[in-house]
């Protein structure tokens, strides 16, 4: 019997790079990687954010500074949100 490996701790920094890497099969935007002026204005005061997290038994935990403890990272699939609920609650004013 093998013992489980200890959880690995990660730190991930998100930053606003001018040209994000392309996924396999994607092509560059016609603007040649230069973001639109409105996006520059919108995110001009953006500060990089560092998230401390680790994965244990396929569950991700992230550091919550408010409670000074790790919390389980949940997504929409964990909350069992239906597409119709998202559509009803978040499409007002869209045409």
Protein backbone atom coordinates (compact mmCIF):
# COMPACT_ATOMS: atom_id res chain seq x y z
CA UNK A 1 0.00 0.00 0.00
CA UNK A 2 1.34 3.40 -0.88
CA UNK A 3 0.74 6.38 1.33
CA UNK A 4 -0.81 9.49 -0.23
CA UNK A 5 1.63 12.18 -1.20
CA UNK A 6 1.47 15.37 0.84
CA UNK A 7 -0.54 18.20 -0.72
CA UNK A 8 1.55 20.56 -2.75
CA UNK A 9 1.21 24.27 -2.10
CA UNK A 10 1.07 26.71 -4.98
CA UNK A 11 1.12 30.42 -5.45
CA UNK A 12 -0.38 31.87 -8.60
CA UNK A 13 0.09 35.47 -9.70
CA UNK A 14 -2.34 37.01 -12.14
CA UNK A 15 -1.11 40.03 -14.05
CA UNK A 16 -2.25 42.12 -16.96
CA UNK A 17 0.07 41.11 -19.76
CA UNK A 18 -0.33 42.81 -23.13
CA UNK A 19 -0.45 39.59 -25.10
CA UNK A 20 -1.79 36.46 -23.37
CA UNK A 21 -0.55 33.12 -24.67
CA UNK A 22 -2.72 31.54 -27.33
CA UNK A 23 -4.34 28.17 -26.78
CA UNK A 24 -3.72 25.43 -29.31
CA UNK A 25 -5.68 26.23 -32.45
CA UNK A 26 -6.33 29.89 -31.61
CA UNK A 27 -5.28 32.67 -33.93
CA UNK A 28 -4.16 36.14 -32.90
CA UNK A 29 -6.73 38.93 -32.81
CA UNK A 30 -6.62 41.28 -35.83
CA UNK A 31 -5.40 44.07 -33.53
CA UNK A 32 -2.01 42.27 -33.46
CA UNK A 33 -2.18 41.82 -29.68
CA UNK A 34 -2.81 45.48 -28.83
CA UNK A 35 -5.82 45.68 -26.47
CA UNK A 36 -8.63 48.12 -27.24
CA UNK A 37 -8.36 51.54 -25.59
CA UNK A 38 -11.50 50.92 -23.52
CA UNK A 39 -9.93 47.82 -21.98
CA UNK A 40 -6.77 49.76 -21.17
CA UNK A 41 -8.87 52.42 -19.46
CA UNK A 42 -10.99 49.86 -17.61
CA UNK A 43 -8.02 47.96 -16.21
CA UNK A 44 -5.49 50.79 -15.85
CA UNK A 45 -5.65 50.67 -12.04
CA UNK A 46 -5.42 46.85 -11.94
CA UNK A 47 -2.94 45.42 -9.47
CA UNK A 48 -1.58 41.87 -9.78
CA UNK A 49 -3.19 39.47 -7.33
CA UNK A 50 -1.56 36.52 -5.65
CA UNK A 51 -3.69 33.55 -4.66
CA UNK A 52 -2.38 30.91 -2.27
CA UNK A 53 -3.91 27.49 -2.88
CA UNK A 54 -3.28 23.78 -2.75
CA UNK A 55 -4.97 20.64 -4.09
CA UNK A 56 -5.73 17.65 -1.88
CA UNK A 57 -7.68 14.60 -3.14
CA UNK A 58 -8.76 16.55 -6.27
CA UNK A 59 -10.25 19.35 -4.18
CA UNK A 60 -8.72 22.82 -4.40
CA UNK A 61 -8.41 24.96 -1.30
CA UNK A 62 -7.60 28.68 -1.39
CA UNK A 63 -6.45 31.07 1.33
CA UNK A 64 -9.23 33.36 2.58
CA UNK A 65 -7.62 36.36 4.24
CA UNK A 66 -10.84 37.38 6.02
CA UNK A 67 -11.04 34.18 8.06
CA UNK A 68 -7.28 33.49 8.00
CA UNK A 69 -7.85 29.95 6.82
CA UNK A 70 -8.13 27.87 3.67
CA UNK A 71 -11.58 27.42 2.12
CA UNK A 72 -12.80 24.97 -0.53
CA UNK A 73 -12.79 26.45 -4.02
CA UNK A 74 -16.23 25.97 -5.56
CA UNK A 75 -17.42 26.58 -9.08
CA UNK A 76 -20.79 26.80 -10.74
CA UNK A 77 -20.94 23.02 -11.09
CA UNK A 78 -20.63 22.71 -7.30
CA UNK A 79 -23.47 25.19 -6.74
CA UNK A 80 -25.72 23.32 -9.20
CA UNK A 81 -26.70 26.49 -11.06
CA UNK A 82 -28.78 25.84 -14.17
CA UNK A 83 -28.24 27.64 -17.46
CA UNK A 84 -31.82 28.91 -17.38
CA UNK A 85 -31.25 30.49 -13.95
CA UNK A 86 -28.12 32.25 -15.20
CA UNK A 87 -29.99 33.46 -18.26
CA UNK A 88 -32.96 34.77 -16.26
CA UNK A 89 -30.85 36.55 -13.65
CA UNK A 90 -28.05 37.99 -15.77
CA UNK A 91 -29.35 38.88 -19.22
CA UNK A 92 -31.51 41.90 -18.41
CA UNK A 93 -30.92 44.59 -21.03
CA UNK A 94 -29.09 42.32 -23.46
CA UNK A 95 -30.50 41.91 -26.92
